[in-house]
């Protein structure tokens, strides 16, 4: 495949309508991930340990973004972002690596839609429709109000995504403005709230008697679980062909990585000092609501916290659709998944990829009783894609040292890539193999993750062996009809 698109090619081209601020708005959804799973981390290992894990993971994600910025400058016209960079780096050594990275990345981003939508639906039902305890009997499964609300939310957010990245970005700008309210509230809480207590900041890793490598295995497991959230700002690379300027990708990756690191380092300190670990154990999902209640007027705190939490969740759904669809489209353009996903609609949006993610997640909402298990399994493919990309940076420096780059890192680039590669491999292997420590994973989830990666290889074979090869064979096959006409002549 060519390194950039030919303007005269039959492959449709995405519209260049985005600025780095638009991608930053998409990436703000990553900060909203605190609302989803920080409470569970705090309940398991204490607020201070949880802050360490989340901040460390976000710091690694920020560092990796600098590597991805250089790679984006090498392939400014390639859609798909990080998994496509992994494909470009590894295709000369191990061709299936691109398929593993692309489909694992897509599923990692797309599966979160069902988890987040169902969580939002459950919050809405419990708070505003507590009497709605009915369920629709579909024969093989029952669908309750929370599931129906989740399906409605997924369907509603599909609409702006079908009209282009710009409308979808505006949705996240609105939600992002609301998200800043709780994040900044918790950042300043230690300075202005009399309810903030430093004694609530407990450290739960490496305590006396710990039997998991002195706490290191526990840390690796939680770094594995929060990896998708903390690294999520890399999504800015997926929009590279849609930026107006060649500098927008680097600005978006750098600024969103820095913002997320700051939020993951400061907001947990604020909320951790407002809520005790015992309260977090009692109800991990209520940590931020209880933290809000400690600093805001009682009559306002509850609904305000819930509305902002729902907004943060919907940001994640919107961003996942936008990023995942570009990843699947880019994989199809590079011949890694079936060519049906190369199609763009009249708004130059990979609509088939969007609709595929929507249908898959509606089915997950209906049929999967514990979607968190799917998310834990999906982390395997996502973190493998990141690992193949950061290690691929080293390969690109070796194989294509003189390739044009509008942005090039300095001498620290290779050491940074080596460190993040070793770190990523350790977290992936230890975290996936030991996820049962967290209470959210086990052999079943591990087998799902492996199955997802095997499916990517099946789709790759279908594309290369059948869809790409058969048309070529038809072109090479002699045309028998003209020969028969000649013989009659």
Protein backbone atom coordinates (compact mmCIF):
# COMPACT_ATOMS: atom_id res chain seq x y z
CA UNK A 1 0.00 0.00 0.00
CA UNK A 2 1.21 3.57 -0.64
CA UNK A 3 2.30 5.76 2.25
CA UNK A 4 -0.20 8.44 1.26
CA UNK A 5 -3.33 8.62 -0.82
CA UNK A 6 -3.15 9.49 -4.47
CA UNK A 7 -5.56 12.36 -5.18
CA UNK A 8 -6.67 10.51 -8.30
CA UNK A 9 -7.19 7.23 -6.45
CA UNK A 10 -10.62 5.60 -6.22
CA UNK A 11 -10.22 5.42 -2.44
CA UNK A 12 -12.49 8.12 -0.89
CA UNK A 13 -10.77 10.84 1.07
CA UNK A 14 -11.86 12.25 4.44
CA UNK A 15 -12.62 15.97 4.58
CA UNK A 16 -10.08 18.26 6.27
CA UNK A 17 -12.41 20.17 8.58
CA UNK A 18 -10.88 19.74 12.05
CA UNK A 19 -8.56 21.86 14.14
CA UNK A 20 -6.56 20.52 17.07
CA UNK A 21 -9.12 22.01 19.49
CA UNK A 22 -11.79 19.72 18.02
CA UNK A 23 -9.68 16.62 18.65
CA UNK A 24 -8.90 17.94 22.14
CA UNK A 25 -12.66 18.04 22.77
CA UNK A 26 -12.95 14.38 21.75
CA UNK A 27 -10.01 13.47 24.00
CA UNK A 28 -11.55 15.20 27.02
CA UNK A 29 -13.76 12.12 27.25
CA UNK A 30 -10.73 10.34 28.66
CA UNK A 31 -10.85 12.50 31.81
CA UNK A 32 -14.46 11.43 32.24
CA UNK A 33 -13.15 7.90 32.71
CA UNK A 34 -12.40 8.85 36.30
CA UNK A 35 -16.15 8.83 36.97
CA UNK A 36 -16.48 5.29 35.66
CA UNK A 37 -13.77 3.33 37.43
CA UNK A 38 -11.70 5.45 39.82
CA UNK A 39 -14.05 4.53 42.67
CA UNK A 40 -13.34 0.82 42.14
CA UNK A 41 -9.58 1.48 42.11
CA UNK A 42 -9.81 3.56 45.29
CA UNK A 43 -11.90 0.91 47.02
CA UNK A 44 -9.35 -1.79 46.19
CA UNK A 45 -6.02 -0.07 46.93
CA UNK A 46 -6.77 3.28 48.61
CA UNK A 47 -7.00 6.83 47.28
CA UNK A 48 -3.28 7.61 47.26
CA UNK A 49 -2.36 4.34 45.53
CA UNK A 50 -5.19 4.89 43.05
CA UNK A 51 -3.89 8.38 42.28
CA UNK A 52 -0.41 6.93 41.71
CA UNK A 53 -1.74 4.28 39.32
CA UNK A 54 -3.95 6.68 37.33
CA UNK A 55 -1.31 9.44 37.16
CA UNK A 56 1.45 7.00 36.16
CA UNK A 57 -0.70 5.50 33.41
CA UNK A 58 -1.65 8.97 32.14
CA UNK A 59 2.01 10.03 32.22
CA UNK A 60 2.94 7.02 30.10
CA UNK A 61 0.11 7.86 27.72
CA UNK A 62 1.34 11.46 27.43
CA UNK A 63 4.89 10.27 26.68
CA UNK A 64 3.63 7.81 24.05
CA UNK A 65 1.69 10.61 22.39
CA UNK A 66 4.98 12.27 21.46
CA UNK A 67 6.02 9.10 19.63
CA UNK A 68 2.66 8.96 17.88
CA UNK A 69 2.99 12.62 16.85
CA UNK A 70 6.14 11.85 14.88
CA UNK A 71 4.50 8.80 13.33
CA UNK A 72 1.45 10.89 12.39
CA UNK A 73 3.76 13.33 10.59
CA UNK A 74 5.15 10.41 8.57
CA UNK A 75 1.70 9.30 7.40
CA UNK A 76 -0.39 12.50 7.28
CA UNK A 77 -2.94 11.08 4.83
CA UNK A 78 -3.48 7.70 6.48
CA UNK A 79 -6.69 7.31 8.51
CA UNK A 80 -6.84 5.01 11.52
CA UNK A 81 -4.12 6.39 13.76
CA UNK A 82 -2.10 4.19 16.11
CA UNK A 83 -2.93 0.71 14.75
CA UNK A 84 -2.13 1.82 11.20
CA UNK A 85 1.26 3.11 12.37
CA UNK A 86 1.85 -0.32 13.93
CA UNK A 87 0.97 -1.93 10.59
CA UNK A 88 3.35 0.33 8.67
CA UNK A 89 6.18 -0.48 11.08
CA UNK A 90 5.67 -4.23 11.27
CA UNK A 91 4.47 -5.14 7.75
CA UNK A 92 8.02 -5.87 6.58
CA UNK A 93 8.60 -8.32 9.45
CA UNK A 94 5.24 -9.72 10.54
CA UNK A 95 2.30 -8.76 8.32
CA UNK A 96 -0.52 -10.03 10.62
CA UNK A 97 0.64 -7.57 13.31
CA UNK A 98 -1.36 -4.86 11.56
CA UNK A 99 -4.53 -6.95 11.66
CA UNK A 100 -4.04 -7.78 15.34
CA UNK A 101 -3.44 -4.13 16.18
CA UNK A 102 -6.31 -2.76 14.07
CA UNK A 103 -9.10 -5.08 15.15
CA UNK A 104 -7.91 -5.25 18.76
CA UNK A 105 -7.81 -1.46 18.86
CA UNK A 106 -11.23 -1.13 17.23
CA UNK A 107 -12.87 -3.60 19.60
CA UNK A 108 -11.18 -1.98 22.60
CA UNK A 109 -12.65 1.38 21.70
CA UNK A 110 -16.00 0.15 20.43
CA UNK A 111 -16.89 -2.29 23.23
CA UNK A 112 -16.79 0.53 25.76
CA UNK A 113 -19.89 2.03 24.14
CA UNK A 114 -22.14 -0.68 25.60
CA UNK A 115 -20.55 -0.50 29.05
CA UNK A 116 -20.81 3.28 29.29
CA UNK A 117 -24.31 3.49 27.81
CA UNK A 118 -25.65 0.80 30.13
CA UNK A 119 -24.05 2.55 33.11
CA UNK A 120 -25.70 5.83 32.11
CA UNK A 121 -29.02 4.07 31.60
CA UNK A 122 -28.84 2.51 35.05
CA UNK A 123 -28.10 5.90 36.65
CA UNK A 124 -31.05 7.52 34.87
CA UNK A 125 -33.41 4.72 35.83
CA UNK A 126 -32.45 4.63 39.51
CA UNK A 127 -32.56 8.40 39.95
CA UNK A 128 -35.56 9.46 37.88
CA UNK A 129 -37.54 6.27 37.18
CA UNK A 130 -37.15 4.16 40.34
CA UNK A 131 -40.61 2.59 39.95
CA UNK A 132 -39.82 1.22 36.49
CA UNK A 133 -39.06 -2.38 37.41
CA UNK A 134 -40.69 -4.01 34.37
CA UNK A 135 -38.87 -5.97 31.70
CA UNK A 136 -39.64 -6.87 28.09
CA UNK A 137 -39.57 -10.63 27.54
CA UNK A 138 -37.97 -11.31 24.16
CA UNK A 139 -38.03 -15.06 24.66
CA UNK A 140 -34.33 -15.76 25.07
CA UNK A 141 -33.58 -12.61 27.03
CA UNK A 142 -35.31 -9.90 29.06
CA UNK A 143 -34.68 -6.21 28.45
CA UNK A 144 -35.21 -3.72 31.28
CA UNK A 145 -35.52 0.09 31.37
CA UNK A 146 -31.78 0.65 31.90
CA UNK A 147 -30.99 -1.38 28.80
CA UNK A 148 -33.59 0.44 26.72
CA UNK A 149 -32.27 3.81 27.86
CA UNK A 150 -28.75 2.70 26.97
CA UNK A 151 -29.92 1.68 23.48
CA UNK A 152 -31.62 5.05 23.00
CA UNK A 153 -28.43 6.88 24.04
CA UNK A 154 -26.30 4.84 21.64
CA UNK A 155 -28.73 5.49 18.78
CA UNK A 156 -28.96 9.21 19.53
CA UNK A 157 -25.18 9.72 19.56
CA UNK A 158 -24.87 7.83 16.30
CA UNK A 159 -26.64 10.70 14.50
CA UNK A 160 -24.01 13.47 14.84
CA UNK A 161 -21.28 10.94 14.04
CA UNK A 162 -22.94 10.14 10.70
CA UNK A 163 -22.81 13.82 9.71
CA UNK A 164 -19.07 14.24 10.21
CA UNK A 165 -16.35 14.71 12.78
CA UNK A 166 -17.18 18.39 13.26
CA UNK A 167 -20.77 17.86 14.57
CA UNK A 168 -19.52 15.04 16.79
CA UNK A 169 -16.77 17.30 18.13
CA UNK A 170 -19.31 19.99 19.03
CA UNK A 171 -21.25 17.44 21.07
CA UNK A 172 -18.11 16.73 23.09
CA UNK A 173 -17.34 20.44 23.48
CA UNK A 174 -20.69 20.90 25.21
CA UNK A 175 -20.22 17.88 27.46
CA UNK A 176 -16.58 18.85 28.03
CA UNK A 177 -17.55 22.27 29.37
CA UNK A 178 -19.80 20.54 31.91
CA UNK A 179 -17.06 18.04 32.76
CA UNK A 180 -14.71 20.84 33.79
CA UNK A 181 -17.05 21.78 36.65
CA UNK A 182 -16.51 18.65 38.79
CA UNK A 183 -12.89 18.20 37.76
CA UNK A 184 -11.92 21.72 38.81
CA UNK A 185 -14.08 21.41 41.93
CA UNK A 186 -12.05 18.42 43.07
CA UNK A 187 -8.76 20.05 42.08
CA UNK A 188 -9.39 23.03 44.41
CA UNK A 189 -11.21 21.02 47.11
CA UNK A 190 -8.09 20.60 49.31
CA UNK A 191 -7.73 24.40 49.42
CA UNK A 192 -11.34 25.51 49.92
CA UNK A 193 -13.30 22.67 51.53
CA UNK A 194 -13.37 22.08 55.25
CA UNK A 195 -14.57 18.54 54.54
CA UNK A 196 -11.30 17.55 52.88
CA UNK A 197 -9.23 15.31 55.18
CA UNK A 198 -5.70 14.13 54.41
CA UNK A 199 -6.25 11.01 56.56
CA UNK A 200 -8.58 9.67 53.84
CA UNK A 201 -5.63 9.39 51.46
CA UNK A 202 -4.70 5.80 52.23
CA UNK A 203 -1.96 3.74 50.55
CA UNK A 204 -2.94 0.13 49.88
CA UNK A 205 -0.09 -1.19 47.74
CA UNK A 206 2.78 -3.17 49.22
CA UNK A 207 1.38 -3.41 52.74
CA UNK A 208 2.96 -5.85 55.22
CA UNK A 209 1.82 -9.36 54.45
CA UNK A 210 0.99 -8.65 50.83
CA UNK A 211 1.54 -11.78 48.76
CA UNK A 212 1.37 -10.32 45.26
CA UNK A 213 5.03 -9.47 44.75
CA UNK A 214 4.82 -6.93 47.55
CA UNK A 215 2.06 -5.08 45.75
CA UNK A 216 3.76 -4.84 42.35
CA UNK A 217 1.47 -7.40 40.74
CA UNK A 218 -1.58 -5.52 42.07
CA UNK A 219 -0.19 -2.31 40.58
CA UNK A 220 0.37 -4.02 37.22
CA UNK A 221 -3.19 -5.36 37.18
CA UNK A 222 -4.69 -1.95 37.86
CA UNK A 223 -2.39 -0.32 35.32
CA UNK A 224 -3.70 -2.88 32.84
CA UNK A 225 -7.33 -2.12 33.74
CA UNK A 226 -6.99 1.68 33.51
CA UNK A 227 -4.73 1.56 30.44
CA UNK A 228 -7.52 2.07 27.91
CA UNK A 229 -8.71 5.18 29.78
CA UNK A 230 -5.29 6.66 30.51
CA UNK A 231 -3.91 6.12 26.99
CA UNK A 232 -7.10 7.22 25.26
CA UNK A 233 -5.81 10.63 24.19
CA UNK A 234 -3.94 8.85 21.40
CA UNK A 235 -7.30 8.99 19.59
CA UNK A 236 -6.18 12.42 18.31
CA UNK A 237 -3.91 10.60 15.85
CA UNK A 238 -6.90 8.87 14.25
CA UNK A 239 -8.13 12.20 12.85
CA UNK A 240 -4.80 13.13 11.18
CA UNK A 241 -6.20 13.11 7.59
CA UNK A 242 -9.04 15.39 8.74
CA UNK A 243 -6.91 18.17 10.26
CA UNK A 244 -6.61 21.47 8.42
CA UNK A 245 -2.92 21.85 9.32
CA UNK A 246 -0.04 19.40 9.53
CA UNK A 247 0.68 20.77 13.02
CA UNK A 248 -2.77 19.98 14.43
CA UNK A 249 -2.07 16.31 15.19
CA UNK A 250 1.01 17.12 17.29
CA UNK A 251 -0.77 19.94 19.13
CA UNK A 252 -3.81 17.79 19.87
CA UNK A 253 -1.75 14.82 21.09
CA UNK A 254 0.50 16.94 23.31
CA UNK A 255 -2.18 19.17 24.84
CA UNK A 256 -4.69 16.38 25.51
CA UNK A 257 -2.00 14.17 27.04
CA UNK A 258 -0.87 16.98 29.35
CA UNK A 259 -4.45 17.85 30.36
CA UNK A 260 -5.30 14.24 31.16
CA UNK A 261 -2.14 13.75 33.21
CA UNK A 262 -2.91 16.88 35.23
CA UNK A 263 -6.51 15.79 35.88
CA UNK A 264 -5.52 12.24 36.83
CA UNK A 265 -2.91 13.57 39.25
CA UNK A 266 -4.96 16.32 40.92
CA UNK A 267 -8.64 15.35 40.85
CA UNK A 268 -8.07 12.00 42.67
CA UNK A 269 -6.34 13.87 45.51
CA UNK A 270 -9.39 16.09 45.86
CA UNK A 271 -12.05 13.41 45.77
CA UNK A 272 -9.90 10.99 47.78
CA UNK A 273 -9.70 13.46 50.65
CA UNK A 274 -13.48 13.99 50.62
CA UNK A 275 -14.50 10.31 50.70
CA UNK A 276 -13.09 7.57 52.92
CA UNK A 277 -11.92 4.24 51.54
CA UNK A 278 -14.62 2.43 53.56
CA UNK A 279 -17.29 4.54 51.83
CA UNK A 280 -15.70 3.71 48.48
CA UNK A 281 -15.82 -0.01 49.31
CA UNK A 282 -19.51 0.29 50.22
CA UNK A 283 -20.41 1.91 46.87
CA UNK A 284 -17.56 2.49 44.39
CA UNK A 285 -19.84 4.09 41.81
CA UNK A 286 -20.96 6.77 44.28
CA UNK A 287 -17.48 8.12 45.12
CA UNK A 288 -17.79 11.25 42.97
CA UNK A 289 -21.41 11.88 43.93
CA UNK A 290 -20.47 11.70 47.62
CA UNK A 291 -17.47 13.93 46.96
CA UNK A 292 -19.73 16.49 45.30
CA UNK A 293 -22.16 16.33 48.20
CA UNK A 294 -19.33 17.22 50.59
CA UNK A 295 -18.54 20.53 48.87
CA UNK A 296 -21.81 21.68 47.25
CA UNK A 297 -25.19 22.68 48.75
CA UNK A 298 -27.19 19.59 49.64
CA UNK A 299 -30.22 20.41 47.49
CA UNK A 300 -28.10 20.93 44.40
CA UNK A 301 -25.31 18.38 44.69
CA UNK A 302 -27.13 15.13 43.95
CA UNK A 303 -28.78 15.93 40.62
CA UNK A 304 -25.90 18.12 39.48
CA UNK A 305 -23.38 15.35 40.12
CA UNK A 306 -25.53 12.79 38.32
CA UNK A 307 -26.14 15.00 35.28
CA UNK A 308 -22.44 15.78 34.94
CA UNK A 309 -21.56 12.12 35.40
CA UNK A 310 -24.02 11.17 32.65
CA UNK A 311 -22.52 13.86 30.44
CA UNK A 312 -19.04 12.48 31.05
CA UNK A 313 -20.25 8.99 30.14
CA UNK A 314 -21.88 10.20 26.95
CA UNK A 315 -18.63 11.94 25.98
CA UNK A 316 -17.03 8.52 26.05
CA UNK A 317 -19.72 7.01 23.83
CA UNK A 318 -19.38 9.83 21.31
CA UNK A 319 -15.58 9.73 21.23
CA UNK A 320 -15.53 5.94 20.95
CA UNK A 321 -17.78 6.03 17.89
CA UNK A 322 -15.67 8.70 16.21
CA UNK A 323 -12.29 7.11 16.93
CA UNK A 324 -13.30 3.48 16.44
CA UNK A 325 -14.92 4.18 13.07
CA UNK A 326 -11.74 5.85 11.76
CA UNK A 327 -9.66 2.92 12.97
CA UNK A 328 -11.83 0.36 11.19
CA UNK A 329 -11.95 2.48 8.02
CA UNK A 330 -8.18 2.91 8.04
CA UNK A 331 -7.72 -0.84 8.50
CA UNK A 332 -9.95 -1.51 5.49
CA UNK A 333 -8.05 0.99 3.33
CA UNK A 334 -4.78 -0.76 4.23
CA UNK A 335 -6.21 -4.20 3.42
CA UNK A 336 -6.43 -5.54 6.98
CA UNK A 337 -10.21 -6.10 7.32
CA UNK A 338 -12.96 -6.74 4.75
CA UNK A 339 -13.13 -4.06 2.06
CA UNK A 340 -16.80 -3.29 2.80
CA UNK A 341 -15.56 -0.89 5.50
CA UNK A 342 -13.77 1.31 2.92
CA UNK A 343 -17.10 2.95 2.06
CA UNK A 344 -17.75 6.58 3.08
CA UNK A 345 -21.18 8.21 3.09
CA UNK A 346 -21.97 11.50 1.34
CA UNK A 347 -20.64 13.42 4.36
CA UNK A 348 -17.29 11.62 3.93
CA UNK A 349 -17.81 9.66 7.13
CA UNK A 350 -17.07 5.90 7.54
CA UNK A 351 -20.75 5.28 8.22
CA UNK A 352 -20.58 1.51 7.88
CA UNK A 353 -17.97 1.36 10.64
CA UNK A 354 -20.15 3.58 12.85
CA UNK A 355 -23.27 1.48 12.24
CA UNK A 356 -21.33 -1.75 12.83
CA UNK A 357 -20.19 -0.49 16.24
CA UNK A 358 -23.73 0.63 17.09
CA UNK A 359 -25.28 -2.73 16.16
CA UNK A 360 -22.58 -4.68 18.03
CA UNK A 361 -23.06 -2.63 21.18
CA UNK A 362 -26.85 -2.80 21.10
CA UNK A 363 -26.48 -6.59 21.00
CA UNK A 364 -24.02 -6.43 23.91
CA UNK A 365 -26.45 -4.29 25.93
CA UNK A 366 -29.22 -6.83 25.29
CA UNK A 367 -27.38 -10.13 25.66
CA UNK A 368 -24.39 -9.57 27.97
CA UNK A 369 -25.32 -9.43 31.64
CA UNK A 370 -21.88 -8.23 32.74
CA UNK A 371 -20.43 -5.95 30.04
CA UNK A 372 -17.50 -5.05 32.31
CA UNK A 373 -16.12 -8.50 31.52
CA UNK A 374 -16.14 -7.62 27.83
CA UNK A 375 -14.29 -4.39 28.55
CA UNK A 376 -11.64 -6.21 30.60
CA UNK A 377 -11.16 -8.68 27.74
CA UNK A 378 -11.10 -5.89 25.15
CA UNK A 379 -8.20 -4.23 26.98
CA UNK A 380 -5.98 -7.06 25.77
CA UNK A 381 -6.37 -6.13 22.11
CA UNK A 382 -6.15 -2.41 22.79
CA UNK A 383 -2.96 -2.61 24.84
CA UNK A 384 -1.44 -4.97 22.29
CA UNK A 385 -2.12 -2.35 19.60
CA UNK A 386 -0.39 0.31 21.70
CA UNK A 387 2.57 -2.02 22.32
CA UNK A 388 2.95 -2.80 18.61
CA UNK A 389 2.84 0.93 17.83
CA UNK A 390 5.45 2.11 20.36
CA UNK A 391 7.78 -0.76 19.45
CA UNK A 392 7.04 0.05 15.81
CA UNK A 393 8.45 3.53 16.37
CA UNK A 394 11.86 1.90 16.86
CA UNK A 395 11.44 -0.12 13.67
CA UNK A 396 10.49 2.95 11.64
CA UNK A 397 13.58 4.79 12.87
CA UNK A 398 15.69 1.78 11.79
CA UNK A 399 13.97 0.99 8.48
CA UNK A 400 13.02 4.48 7.31
CA UNK A 401 15.45 6.92 8.93
CA UNK A 402 15.28 9.35 6.00
CA UNK A 403 11.52 9.19 5.43
CA UNK A 404 9.91 12.66 5.40
CA UNK A 405 8.69 13.80 8.82
CA UNK A 406 7.25 17.25 9.47
CA UNK A 407 7.93 16.61 13.17
CA UNK A 408 10.89 14.68 14.55
CA UNK A 409 11.72 13.96 18.19
CA UNK A 410 15.26 14.47 19.48
CA UNK A 411 17.80 12.07 20.95
CA UNK A 412 15.49 10.93 23.73
CA UNK A 413 13.06 9.37 21.23
CA UNK A 414 14.59 5.88 21.00
CA UNK A 415 15.19 5.52 24.79
CA UNK A 416 11.60 6.67 25.35
CA UNK A 417 10.30 4.11 22.87
CA UNK A 418 12.37 1.33 24.48
CA UNK A 419 11.15 2.18 28.00
CA UNK A 420 7.49 2.38 26.97
CA UNK A 421 7.83 -0.88 25.01
CA UNK A 422 9.24 -2.77 28.00
CA UNK A 423 6.70 -1.17 30.33
CA UNK A 424 3.81 -1.92 27.97
CA UNK A 425 4.82 -5.55 27.54
CA UNK A 426 5.12 -6.07 31.30
CA UNK A 427 1.72 -4.50 32.05
CA UNK A 428 0.02 -6.43 29.24
CA UNK A 429 1.43 -9.83 30.21
CA UNK A 430 1.17 -9.51 34.00
CA UNK A 431 -2.09 -7.56 33.99
CA UNK A 432 -3.94 -9.88 31.61
CA UNK A 433 -2.69 -13.06 33.28
CA UNK A 434 -3.49 -11.83 36.81
CA UNK A 435 -6.65 -9.76 36.27
CA UNK A 436 -8.58 -11.93 38.74
CA UNK A 437 -6.78 -10.03 41.53
CA UNK A 438 -9.01 -7.04 40.82
CA UNK A 439 -12.20 -9.08 40.98
CA UNK A 440 -13.14 -8.13 37.41
CA UNK A 441 -11.35 -10.76 35.35
CA UNK A 442 -10.31 -14.37 35.06
CA UNK A 443 -9.85 -17.26 32.64
CA UNK A 444 -13.14 -16.56 30.87
CA UNK A 445 -12.26 -12.94 30.17
CA UNK A 446 -8.77 -13.96 29.07
CA UNK A 447 -10.23 -16.43 26.57
CA UNK A 448 -12.52 -13.71 25.19
CA UNK A 449 -9.53 -11.43 24.65
CA UNK A 450 -7.62 -14.18 22.85
CA UNK A 451 -10.71 -14.97 20.77
CA UNK A 452 -10.96 -11.35 19.64
CA UNK A 453 -7.37 -11.43 18.44
CA UNK A 454 -7.94 -14.74 16.61
CA UNK A 455 -11.00 -13.23 14.92
CA UNK A 456 -8.80 -10.40 13.62
CA UNK A 457 -6.62 -12.99 11.88
CA UNK A 458 -9.68 -14.64 10.32
CA UNK A 459 -10.85 -11.28 8.93
CA UNK A 460 -7.33 -10.62 7.66
CA UNK A 461 -7.26 -13.94 5.79
CA UNK A 462 -10.69 -13.25 4.29
CA UNK A 463 -9.47 -9.91 2.98
CA UNK A 464 -6.09 -11.03 1.63
CA UNK A 465 -6.93 -14.54 0.40
CA UNK A 466 -10.39 -13.95 -1.03
CA UNK A 467 -11.34 -10.31 -1.51
CA UNK A 468 -7.96 -9.10 -2.75
CA UNK A 469 -6.76 -12.26 -4.51
CA UNK A 470 -9.86 -13.35 -6.45
CA UNK A 471 -10.23 -10.12 -8.50
CA UNK A 472 -6.55 -10.43 -9.42
CA UNK A 473 -7.02 -14.03 -10.52
CA UNK A 474 -9.96 -12.99 -12.70
CA UNK A 475 -7.79 -10.36 -14.38
CA UNK A 476 -5.05 -12.92 -15.06
CA UNK A 477 -7.46 -15.57 -16.37
CA UNK A 478 -7.56 -15.66 -20.21
CA UNK A 479 -10.77 -14.50 -21.83
CA UNK A 480 -12.12 -17.59 -23.58
CA UNK A 481 -14.86 -15.93 -25.63
CA UNK A 482 -12.60 -13.87 -27.93
CA UNK A 483 -10.55 -17.01 -28.59
CA UNK A 484 -13.64 -18.91 -29.74
CA UNK A 485 -14.60 -16.04 -32.04
CA UNK A 486 -11.11 -16.10 -33.54
CA UNK A 487 -11.28 -19.81 -34.12
CA UNK A 488 -14.61 -19.46 -35.95
CA UNK A 489 -13.10 -16.75 -38.07
